[in-house]
Each structure stands twice: as structure tokens, then as C-alpha cells.
Amino acid sequence: MTVTAVARDHSALTLTVDATFDAAPARVWLLWADPRQLERWWGPPVYPATFVEHQLVVGGRCTYFMTGPEGDQHHGWWEVESVDPGRSFEVRDGFADGEGNVNPDLPVTRMRVELSDRGDGGTKVRIVSTFATLEQLEQLVAMGMEEGLQVAMGQMDAVLADA
């Protein structure tokens, strides 16, 4: 399993997931930068993702949906706020309806992804999701965000192996 730690910090309103990979940072970066690779791991195995729009540049937008085993679809979006290619990016991350409109009933979080060289040719990845309130953090954890990220990230090694 690639995930090495998961931590909730109620005072900082964050959920942090750390992972390591036996691939160089430039290769691991492609797991986010290439939408076809991103689709292969972003959703849990029974909810594969399809990226409709993917602009991993400042001011860009990424939109996607995950399709469940019964054909149900769950839509999401990212608004890209910063990008340091090969090293990090930060997005506003939210839920959408079937037409891609922001779902005002669910929280918008800030997600920061950081990649760093382990020093042995491998990569450390840290994903920090920041919430506006403790209630939002608890709501998304109750909806399965923590487990979903772990399971989804567990698929990344298989994508890396296909390179």
C-alpha cells in the first residue's frame, strides 16, 4: 500500500494523507497532469472517474464524474489556484450537479498536493485538504472522504507500473 499516514487535525481543519512511491517525482507528477492516468486512480475501484475537462494550469478548471456500480454518477470540480509543475498544485475542490454547476449543499475545500524526492529515486506525496469549518471536515469524513482517498491512492502503484 502506498499510503503511509492519514491524519485529521481538528484545530487546523485539515485532513492530510501521506504516501510514498518507488518512482521519480517527474513520473508521479503525471498521475495528476495526464487526465487519462488520473482517471485510472482518482475514484475508488467501484467508482471510476472520468475527467471531462482537465486544465492543470493557474486559473484552469478540472471537471469529472465518478460512476458507481449501479450507474449512478457523482460530479466534482477543481479550480486551479497554483501550480509548480512537477512539485505541487493547489485547487478549490467541490461537488457539482449533473450539469457541472456547483452544489451549494456540499462543502468546498482547498486541496494542496505536494511531491518531493525521497532521496533514493522515489517520491513522497502529501495531500492536504483544508476545510472552512469543523462541521465540514466531519461531514466529508462521514461521507467517506478519508477512506476514499486511501483506497483511490492505493491504485496509483498499478498506474505507475504500466509506464
N, C-alpha and C. Protein backbone atom coordinates (compact mmCIF):
# COMPACT_ATOMS: atom_id res chain seq x y z
N MET A 1 0.85 -1.18 0.00
CA MET A 1 0.00 0.00 0.00
C MET A 1 0.89 1.23 0.00
N THR A 2 0.55 2.20 -0.78
CA THR A 2 1.35 3.42 -0.91
C THR A 2 1.07 4.45 0.18
N VAL A 3 -0.10 4.43 0.79
CA VAL A 3 -0.42 5.40 1.83
C VAL A 3 0.33 5.03 3.10
N THR A 4 1.06 6.02 3.65
CA THR A 4 1.86 5.76 4.85
C THR A 4 1.26 6.39 6.10
N ALA A 5 0.44 7.42 5.94
CA ALA A 5 -0.16 8.07 7.11
C ALA A 5 -1.39 8.86 6.69
N VAL A 6 -2.36 8.91 7.59
CA VAL A 6 -3.55 9.74 7.42
C VAL A 6 -3.77 10.43 8.76
N ALA A 7 -3.94 11.75 8.71
CA ALA A 7 -4.12 12.49 9.96
C ALA A 7 -5.20 13.55 9.80
N ARG A 8 -6.08 13.61 10.80
CA ARG A 8 -7.07 14.67 10.88
C ARG A 8 -6.60 15.64 11.96
N ASP A 9 -6.61 16.92 11.65
CA ASP A 9 -6.25 17.93 12.63
C ASP A 9 -7.46 18.85 12.78
N HIS A 10 -8.20 18.64 13.86
CA HIS A 10 -9.43 19.40 14.06
C HIS A 10 -9.16 20.87 14.31
N SER A 11 -8.05 21.21 14.94
CA SER A 11 -7.77 22.63 15.20
C SER A 11 -7.33 23.35 13.93
N ALA A 12 -6.60 22.67 13.04
CA ALA A 12 -6.17 23.28 11.78
C ALA A 12 -7.20 23.07 10.66
N LEU A 13 -8.22 22.26 10.93
CA LEU A 13 -9.28 21.94 9.97
C LEU A 13 -8.72 21.29 8.71
N THR A 14 -7.83 20.30 8.91
CA THR A 14 -7.20 19.63 7.78
C THR A 14 -7.32 18.11 7.87
N LEU A 15 -7.26 17.52 6.69
CA LEU A 15 -7.11 16.07 6.54
C LEU A 15 -5.89 15.90 5.66
N THR A 16 -4.87 15.19 6.17
CA THR A 16 -3.61 15.01 5.46
C THR A 16 -3.38 13.54 5.16
N VAL A 17 -3.02 13.25 3.92
CA VAL A 17 -2.68 11.89 3.51
C VAL A 17 -1.27 11.93 2.95
N ASP A 18 -0.41 11.06 3.50
CA ASP A 18 0.97 10.92 3.02
C ASP A 18 1.13 9.57 2.34
N ALA A 19 1.91 9.56 1.28
CA ALA A 19 2.16 8.32 0.54
C ALA A 19 3.58 8.35 -0.02
N THR A 20 4.09 7.18 -0.33
CA THR A 20 5.41 7.08 -0.96
C THR A 20 5.30 6.18 -2.19
N PHE A 21 6.16 6.46 -3.15
CA PHE A 21 6.17 5.71 -4.40
C PHE A 21 7.60 5.42 -4.82
N ASP A 22 7.80 4.28 -5.44
CA ASP A 22 9.11 3.90 -5.96
C ASP A 22 9.25 4.36 -7.40
N ALA A 23 8.98 5.63 -7.63
CA ALA A 23 9.11 6.25 -8.96
C ALA A 23 9.56 7.69 -8.73
N ALA A 24 10.24 8.23 -9.72
CA ALA A 24 10.74 9.60 -9.63
C ALA A 24 9.59 10.61 -9.60
N PRO A 25 9.82 11.78 -8.97
CA PRO A 25 8.76 12.79 -8.91
C PRO A 25 8.19 13.16 -10.28
N ALA A 26 9.02 13.25 -11.31
CA ALA A 26 8.52 13.61 -12.64
C ALA A 26 7.51 12.58 -13.13
N ARG A 27 7.73 11.31 -12.83
CA ARG A 27 6.79 10.26 -13.24
C ARG A 27 5.52 10.31 -12.40
N VAL A 28 5.65 10.51 -11.10
CA VAL A 28 4.48 10.56 -10.22
C VAL A 28 3.62 11.78 -10.56
N TRP A 29 4.25 12.89 -10.95
CA TRP A 29 3.50 14.10 -11.34
C TRP A 29 2.49 13.78 -12.45
N LEU A 30 2.85 12.91 -13.36
CA LEU A 30 1.97 12.57 -14.47
C LEU A 30 0.66 11.93 -14.01
N LEU A 31 0.64 11.37 -12.80
CA LEU A 31 -0.59 10.79 -12.27
C LEU A 31 -1.68 11.85 -12.11
N TRP A 32 -1.28 13.11 -11.97
CA TRP A 32 -2.24 14.23 -11.92
C TRP A 32 -2.29 14.99 -13.23
N ALA A 33 -1.14 15.16 -13.87
CA ALA A 33 -1.05 16.01 -15.05
C ALA A 33 -1.69 15.39 -16.29
N ASP A 34 -1.72 14.08 -16.38
CA ASP A 34 -2.30 13.38 -17.53
C ASP A 34 -3.70 12.89 -17.13
N PRO A 35 -4.75 13.46 -17.71
CA PRO A 35 -6.10 13.09 -17.27
C PRO A 35 -6.42 11.61 -17.45
N ARG A 36 -5.85 10.96 -18.44
CA ARG A 36 -6.13 9.53 -18.62
C ARG A 36 -5.51 8.69 -17.49
N GLN A 37 -4.34 9.11 -17.00
CA GLN A 37 -3.76 8.42 -15.85
C GLN A 37 -4.52 8.75 -14.58
N LEU A 38 -4.93 10.00 -14.45
CA LEU A 38 -5.71 10.42 -13.28
C LEU A 38 -7.01 9.63 -13.18
N GLU A 39 -7.65 9.40 -14.30
CA GLU A 39 -8.90 8.62 -14.32
C GLU A 39 -8.71 7.21 -13.77
N ARG A 40 -7.53 6.67 -13.93
CA ARG A 40 -7.29 5.28 -13.53
C ARG A 40 -7.17 5.09 -12.03
N TRP A 41 -7.02 6.20 -11.29
CA TRP A 41 -6.90 6.03 -9.84
C TRP A 41 -7.75 7.00 -9.02
N TRP A 42 -8.23 8.11 -9.56
CA TRP A 42 -8.86 9.15 -8.74
C TRP A 42 -10.08 8.64 -7.97
N GLY A 43 -10.87 7.82 -8.53
CA GLY A 43 -12.03 7.29 -7.80
C GLY A 43 -11.71 5.95 -7.18
N PRO A 44 -12.44 5.58 -6.13
CA PRO A 44 -12.29 4.21 -5.60
C PRO A 44 -12.58 3.19 -6.70
N PRO A 45 -12.10 1.96 -6.58
CA PRO A 45 -12.25 0.96 -7.65
C PRO A 45 -13.67 0.79 -8.17
N VAL A 46 -14.67 0.88 -7.31
CA VAL A 46 -16.05 0.69 -7.77
C VAL A 46 -16.70 2.00 -8.22
N TYR A 47 -15.95 3.10 -8.20
CA TYR A 47 -16.42 4.41 -8.65
C TYR A 47 -15.36 5.07 -9.54
N PRO A 48 -15.09 4.49 -10.71
CA PRO A 48 -14.05 5.07 -11.57
C PRO A 48 -14.41 6.48 -12.03
N ALA A 49 -13.37 7.29 -12.19
CA ALA A 49 -13.55 8.69 -12.58
C ALA A 49 -13.41 8.87 -14.08
N THR A 50 -14.13 9.83 -14.60
CA THR A 50 -13.98 10.29 -15.99
C THR A 50 -13.79 11.79 -15.94
N PHE A 51 -12.64 12.27 -16.43
CA PHE A 51 -12.38 13.71 -16.46
C PHE A 51 -12.88 14.26 -17.78
N VAL A 52 -13.82 15.19 -17.70
CA VAL A 52 -14.43 15.82 -18.86
C VAL A 52 -13.57 17.01 -19.30
N GLU A 53 -13.05 17.71 -18.33
CA GLU A 53 -12.24 18.90 -18.54
C GLU A 53 -11.02 18.76 -17.64
N HIS A 54 -9.84 19.09 -18.13
CA HIS A 54 -8.63 18.96 -17.33
C HIS A 54 -7.61 20.01 -17.75
N GLN A 55 -7.56 21.09 -16.99
CA GLN A 55 -6.63 22.19 -17.27
C GLN A 55 -5.83 22.45 -16.00
N LEU A 56 -4.73 21.72 -15.82
CA LEU A 56 -3.92 21.85 -14.62
C LEU A 56 -2.93 23.01 -14.78
N VAL A 57 -3.51 24.21 -14.90
CA VAL A 57 -2.76 25.47 -15.01
C VAL A 57 -3.48 26.49 -14.13
N VAL A 58 -2.76 27.49 -13.67
CA VAL A 58 -3.38 28.52 -12.83
C VAL A 58 -4.57 29.12 -13.57
N GLY A 59 -5.70 29.15 -12.89
CA GLY A 59 -6.93 29.64 -13.49
C GLY A 59 -7.70 28.57 -14.25
N GLY A 60 -7.11 27.38 -14.38
CA GLY A 60 -7.77 26.29 -15.10
C GLY A 60 -8.84 25.62 -14.26
N ARG A 61 -9.58 24.77 -14.92
CA ARG A 61 -10.67 24.04 -14.27
C ARG A 61 -10.59 22.58 -14.69
N CYS A 62 -10.86 21.72 -13.73
CA CYS A 62 -10.96 20.29 -14.00
C CYS A 62 -12.35 19.87 -13.54
N THR A 63 -13.06 19.15 -14.40
CA THR A 63 -14.37 18.63 -14.03
C THR A 63 -14.38 17.14 -14.30
N TYR A 64 -15.10 16.43 -13.47
CA TYR A 64 -15.11 14.97 -13.58
C TYR A 64 -16.40 14.42 -12.98
N PHE A 65 -16.60 13.14 -13.25
CA PHE A 65 -17.67 12.43 -12.57
C PHE A 65 -17.18 11.02 -12.27
N MET A 66 -17.70 10.46 -11.20
CA MET A 66 -17.42 9.08 -10.83
C MET A 66 -18.70 8.29 -11.04
N THR A 67 -18.56 7.13 -11.65
CA THR A 67 -19.72 6.29 -11.95
C THR A 67 -19.71 5.07 -11.03
N GLY A 68 -20.79 4.90 -10.30
CA GLY A 68 -20.91 3.79 -9.37
C GLY A 68 -21.34 2.51 -10.06
N PRO A 69 -21.35 1.42 -9.31
CA PRO A 69 -21.69 0.12 -9.87
C PRO A 69 -23.11 0.02 -10.41
N GLU A 70 -24.00 0.88 -9.93
CA GLU A 70 -25.39 0.88 -10.41
C GLU A 70 -25.61 1.92 -11.50
N GLY A 71 -24.51 2.54 -11.97
CA GLY A 71 -24.62 3.57 -13.00
C GLY A 71 -24.85 4.97 -12.46
N ASP A 72 -24.92 5.10 -11.14
CA ASP A 72 -25.09 6.42 -10.53
C ASP A 72 -23.83 7.26 -10.75
N GLN A 73 -24.01 8.55 -10.94
CA GLN A 73 -22.87 9.43 -11.18
C GLN A 73 -22.79 10.51 -10.11
N HIS A 74 -21.54 10.79 -9.71
CA HIS A 74 -21.25 11.81 -8.71
C HIS A 74 -20.22 12.75 -9.33
N HIS A 75 -20.58 14.04 -9.43
CA HIS A 75 -19.78 15.01 -10.15
C HIS A 75 -18.95 15.87 -9.20
N GLY A 76 -17.77 16.28 -9.70
CA GLY A 76 -16.90 17.15 -8.92
C GLY A 76 -16.14 18.11 -9.82
N TRP A 77 -15.47 19.07 -9.20
CA TRP A 77 -14.71 20.07 -9.95
C TRP A 77 -13.52 20.54 -9.12
N TRP A 78 -12.51 21.02 -9.81
CA TRP A 78 -11.37 21.70 -9.22
C TRP A 78 -11.20 23.03 -9.93
N GLU A 79 -10.93 24.07 -9.18
CA GLU A 79 -10.48 25.35 -9.74
C GLU A 79 -9.03 25.49 -9.33
N VAL A 80 -8.13 25.56 -10.31
CA VAL A 80 -6.70 25.52 -10.05
C VAL A 80 -6.22 26.91 -9.62
N GLU A 81 -5.64 26.96 -8.43
CA GLU A 81 -5.17 28.23 -7.88
C GLU A 81 -3.66 28.41 -7.99
N SER A 82 -2.90 27.33 -7.94
CA SER A 82 -1.45 27.43 -8.10
C SER A 82 -0.91 26.13 -8.65
N VAL A 83 0.18 26.25 -9.42
CA VAL A 83 0.83 25.07 -9.99
C VAL A 83 2.34 25.34 -10.03
N ASP A 84 3.09 24.40 -9.49
CA ASP A 84 4.55 24.38 -9.64
C ASP A 84 4.83 23.03 -10.29
N PRO A 85 4.85 22.97 -11.63
CA PRO A 85 4.92 21.69 -12.34
C PRO A 85 6.00 20.75 -11.79
N GLY A 86 5.54 19.54 -11.54
CA GLY A 86 6.43 18.51 -11.02
C GLY A 86 6.59 18.54 -9.51
N ARG A 87 6.06 19.59 -8.86
CA ARG A 87 6.27 19.72 -7.42
C ARG A 87 4.99 19.87 -6.61
N SER A 88 4.05 20.72 -7.09
CA SER A 88 2.85 20.94 -6.29
C SER A 88 1.76 21.63 -7.11
N PHE A 89 0.56 21.52 -6.60
CA PHE A 89 -0.54 22.31 -7.10
C PHE A 89 -1.57 22.45 -5.99
N GLU A 90 -2.41 23.49 -6.12
CA GLU A 90 -3.46 23.72 -5.14
C GLU A 90 -4.74 24.06 -5.89
N VAL A 91 -5.84 23.48 -5.43
CA VAL A 91 -7.13 23.69 -6.07
C VAL A 91 -8.20 23.93 -5.03
N ARG A 92 -9.26 24.62 -5.46
CA ARG A 92 -10.53 24.61 -4.73
C ARG A 92 -11.23 23.37 -5.25
N ASP A 93 -11.78 22.57 -4.37
CA ASP A 93 -12.31 21.25 -4.70
C ASP A 93 -13.75 21.18 -4.22
N GLY A 94 -14.66 20.90 -5.16
CA GLY A 94 -16.06 20.86 -4.75
C GLY A 94 -16.89 19.84 -5.50
N PHE A 95 -18.13 19.78 -5.13
CA PHE A 95 -19.10 18.87 -5.73
C PHE A 95 -19.95 19.64 -6.73
N ALA A 96 -20.50 18.92 -7.69
CA ALA A 96 -21.32 19.55 -8.72
C ALA A 96 -22.56 18.71 -8.99
N ASP A 97 -23.51 19.31 -9.69
CA ASP A 97 -24.67 18.56 -10.15
C ASP A 97 -24.34 17.96 -11.52
N GLY A 98 -25.29 17.30 -12.12
CA GLY A 98 -25.08 16.63 -13.40
C GLY A 98 -24.72 17.54 -14.55
N GLU A 99 -25.01 18.83 -14.42
CA GLU A 99 -24.67 19.80 -15.48
C GLU A 99 -23.36 20.53 -15.18
N GLY A 100 -22.70 20.16 -14.08
CA GLY A 100 -21.43 20.79 -13.73
C GLY A 100 -21.55 22.03 -12.87
N ASN A 101 -22.76 22.35 -12.43
CA ASN A 101 -22.96 23.51 -11.56
C ASN A 101 -22.54 23.17 -10.13
N VAL A 102 -21.96 24.14 -9.45
CA VAL A 102 -21.53 23.94 -8.07
C VAL A 102 -22.73 23.52 -7.22
N ASN A 103 -22.53 22.48 -6.42
CA ASN A 103 -23.56 22.02 -5.50
C ASN A 103 -23.41 22.81 -4.19
N PRO A 104 -24.29 23.75 -3.93
CA PRO A 104 -24.15 24.61 -2.75
C PRO A 104 -24.44 23.88 -1.43
N ASP A 105 -24.98 22.66 -1.51
CA ASP A 105 -25.32 21.92 -0.30
C ASP A 105 -24.13 21.16 0.28
N LEU A 106 -23.02 21.11 -0.47
CA LEU A 106 -21.84 20.37 0.00
C LEU A 106 -20.64 21.30 0.07
N PRO A 107 -19.72 21.01 0.99
CA PRO A 107 -18.59 21.92 1.21
C PRO A 107 -17.63 22.02 0.03
N VAL A 108 -16.98 23.18 -0.06
CA VAL A 108 -15.86 23.39 -0.96
C VAL A 108 -14.62 23.39 -0.08
N THR A 109 -13.62 22.60 -0.46
CA THR A 109 -12.39 22.53 0.31
C THR A 109 -11.23 23.07 -0.53
N ARG A 110 -10.10 23.20 0.10
CA ARG A 110 -8.88 23.56 -0.61
C ARG A 110 -7.99 22.32 -0.52
N MET A 111 -7.51 21.84 -1.66
CA MET A 111 -6.64 20.66 -1.68
C MET A 111 -5.28 21.07 -2.22
N ARG A 112 -4.25 20.77 -1.46
CA ARG A 112 -2.87 21.02 -1.89
C ARG A 112 -2.16 19.68 -2.02
N VAL A 113 -1.53 19.47 -3.18
CA VAL A 113 -0.77 18.25 -3.45
C VAL A 113 0.69 18.66 -3.57
N GLU A 114 1.56 18.00 -2.79
CA GLU A 114 2.99 18.28 -2.80
C GLU A 114 3.76 17.00 -3.07
N LEU A 115 4.72 17.09 -3.99
CA LEU A 115 5.59 15.96 -4.30
C LEU A 115 7.01 16.35 -3.93
N SER A 116 7.76 15.41 -3.35
CA SER A 116 9.16 15.66 -3.04
C SER A 116 9.96 14.38 -3.26
N ASP A 117 11.22 14.58 -3.61
CA ASP A 117 12.13 13.47 -3.85
C ASP A 117 12.48 12.82 -2.51
N ARG A 118 12.38 11.50 -2.43
CA ARG A 118 12.73 10.78 -1.20
C ARG A 118 14.23 10.70 -1.01
N GLY A 119 15.00 10.93 -2.09
CA GLY A 119 16.45 10.81 -2.00
C GLY A 119 16.98 9.48 -2.48
N ASP A 120 16.09 8.55 -2.78
CA ASP A 120 16.51 7.23 -3.26
C ASP A 120 15.88 6.92 -4.61
N GLY A 121 15.45 7.97 -5.31
CA GLY A 121 14.79 7.78 -6.60
C GLY A 121 13.29 7.69 -6.50
N GLY A 122 12.78 7.63 -5.28
CA GLY A 122 11.34 7.55 -5.08
C GLY A 122 10.76 8.91 -4.74
N THR A 123 9.45 8.93 -4.48
CA THR A 123 8.73 10.19 -4.26
C THR A 123 7.85 10.10 -3.03
N LYS A 124 7.83 11.20 -2.27
CA LYS A 124 6.87 11.37 -1.19
C LYS A 124 5.76 12.28 -1.72
N VAL A 125 4.53 11.93 -1.41
CA VAL A 125 3.38 12.75 -1.79
C VAL A 125 2.61 13.09 -0.53
N ARG A 126 2.24 14.35 -0.42
CA ARG A 126 1.37 14.79 0.68
C ARG A 126 0.18 15.51 0.07
N ILE A 127 -1.02 15.09 0.47
CA ILE A 127 -2.25 15.77 0.07
C ILE A 127 -2.87 16.33 1.34
N VAL A 128 -3.06 17.65 1.35
CA VAL A 128 -3.67 18.31 2.49
C VAL A 128 -4.97 18.96 2.03
N SER A 129 -6.06 18.51 2.61
CA SER A 129 -7.37 19.12 2.34
C SER A 129 -7.71 20.00 3.54
N THR A 130 -8.06 21.25 3.25
CA THR A 130 -8.38 22.21 4.30
C THR A 130 -9.85 22.58 4.19
N PHE A 131 -10.51 22.62 5.33
CA PHE A 131 -11.95 22.86 5.40
C PHE A 131 -12.23 24.22 6.05
N ALA A 132 -13.35 24.81 5.74
CA ALA A 132 -13.72 26.10 6.31
C ALA A 132 -14.17 25.97 7.76
N THR A 133 -14.78 24.83 8.10
CA THR A 133 -15.30 24.63 9.46
C THR A 133 -15.08 23.18 9.88
N LEU A 134 -15.12 22.96 11.18
CA LEU A 134 -15.03 21.60 11.71
C LEU A 134 -16.22 20.77 11.24
N GLU A 135 -17.38 21.38 11.11
CA GLU A 135 -18.57 20.67 10.66
C GLU A 135 -18.37 20.14 9.23
N GLN A 136 -17.74 20.94 8.37
CA GLN A 136 -17.47 20.49 7.00
C GLN A 136 -16.48 19.33 6.99
N LEU A 137 -15.44 19.42 7.81
CA LEU A 137 -14.49 18.32 7.92
C LEU A 137 -15.20 17.04 8.35
N GLU A 138 -15.99 17.13 9.39
CA GLU A 138 -16.71 15.96 9.89
C GLU A 138 -17.72 15.44 8.87
N GLN A 139 -18.37 16.34 8.14
CA GLN A 139 -19.35 15.93 7.13
C GLN A 139 -18.68 15.10 6.03
N LEU A 140 -17.55 15.58 5.51
CA LEU A 140 -16.90 14.86 4.42
C LEU A 140 -16.23 13.58 4.90
N VAL A 141 -15.73 13.57 6.11
CA VAL A 141 -15.19 12.32 6.66
C VAL A 141 -16.33 11.30 6.80
N ALA A 142 -17.48 11.75 7.29
CA ALA A 142 -18.65 10.85 7.43
C ALA A 142 -19.10 10.33 6.07
N MET A 143 -18.90 11.12 5.01
CA MET A 143 -19.28 10.70 3.65
C MET A 143 -18.26 9.74 3.04
N GLY A 144 -17.14 9.49 3.74
CA GLY A 144 -16.16 8.52 3.26
C GLY A 144 -14.93 9.11 2.60
N MET A 145 -14.70 10.41 2.75
CA MET A 145 -13.56 11.03 2.08
C MET A 145 -12.22 10.41 2.49
N GLU A 146 -12.03 10.17 3.77
CA GLU A 146 -10.77 9.62 4.26
C GLU A 146 -10.50 8.24 3.65
N GLU A 147 -11.46 7.35 3.77
CA GLU A 147 -11.29 6.01 3.22
C GLU A 147 -11.21 6.04 1.71
N GLY A 148 -12.01 6.90 1.08
CA GLY A 148 -11.99 7.00 -0.37
C GLY A 148 -10.64 7.41 -0.91
N LEU A 149 -10.00 8.39 -0.27
CA LEU A 149 -8.66 8.81 -0.70
C LEU A 149 -7.66 7.68 -0.55
N GLN A 150 -7.72 6.97 0.57
CA GLN A 150 -6.78 5.88 0.80
C GLN A 150 -6.94 4.78 -0.25
N VAL A 151 -8.16 4.40 -0.52
CA VAL A 151 -8.42 3.33 -1.49
C VAL A 151 -8.03 3.79 -2.90
N ALA A 152 -8.39 5.03 -3.24
CA ALA A 152 -8.05 5.56 -4.55
C ALA A 152 -6.53 5.61 -4.73
N MET A 153 -5.84 6.16 -3.75
CA MET A 153 -4.38 6.27 -3.85
C MET A 153 -3.70 4.90 -3.87
N GLY A 154 -4.36 3.90 -3.31
CA GLY A 154 -3.84 2.54 -3.36
C GLY A 154 -3.75 1.99 -4.78
N GLN A 155 -4.42 2.64 -5.72
CA GLN A 155 -4.40 2.21 -7.12
C GLN A 155 -3.26 2.85 -7.93
N MET A 156 -2.58 3.81 -7.33
CA MET A 156 -1.57 4.58 -8.06
C MET A 156 -0.37 3.74 -8.48
N ASP A 157 0.04 2.79 -7.64
CA ASP A 157 1.19 1.94 -7.98
C ASP A 157 0.95 1.16 -9.28
N ALA A 158 -0.28 0.69 -9.47
CA ALA A 158 -0.59 -0.07 -10.68
C ALA A 158 -0.47 0.82 -11.92
N VAL A 159 -0.87 2.08 -11.81
CA VAL A 159 -0.75 3.00 -12.93
C VAL A 159 0.73 3.28 -13.21
N LEU A 160 1.50 3.47 -12.16
CA LEU A 160 2.94 3.71 -12.32
C LEU A 160 3.63 2.50 -12.97
N ALA A 161 3.18 1.31 -12.64
CA ALA A 161 3.79 0.09 -13.17
C ALA A 161 3.55 -0.07 -14.67
N ASP A 162 2.49 0.55 -15.18
CA ASP A 162 2.17 0.43 -16.61
C ASP A 162 2.97 1.38 -17.49
N ALA A 163 3.80 2.22 -16.86
CA ALA A 163 4.55 3.23 -17.65
C ALA A 163 5.58 2.58 -18.57
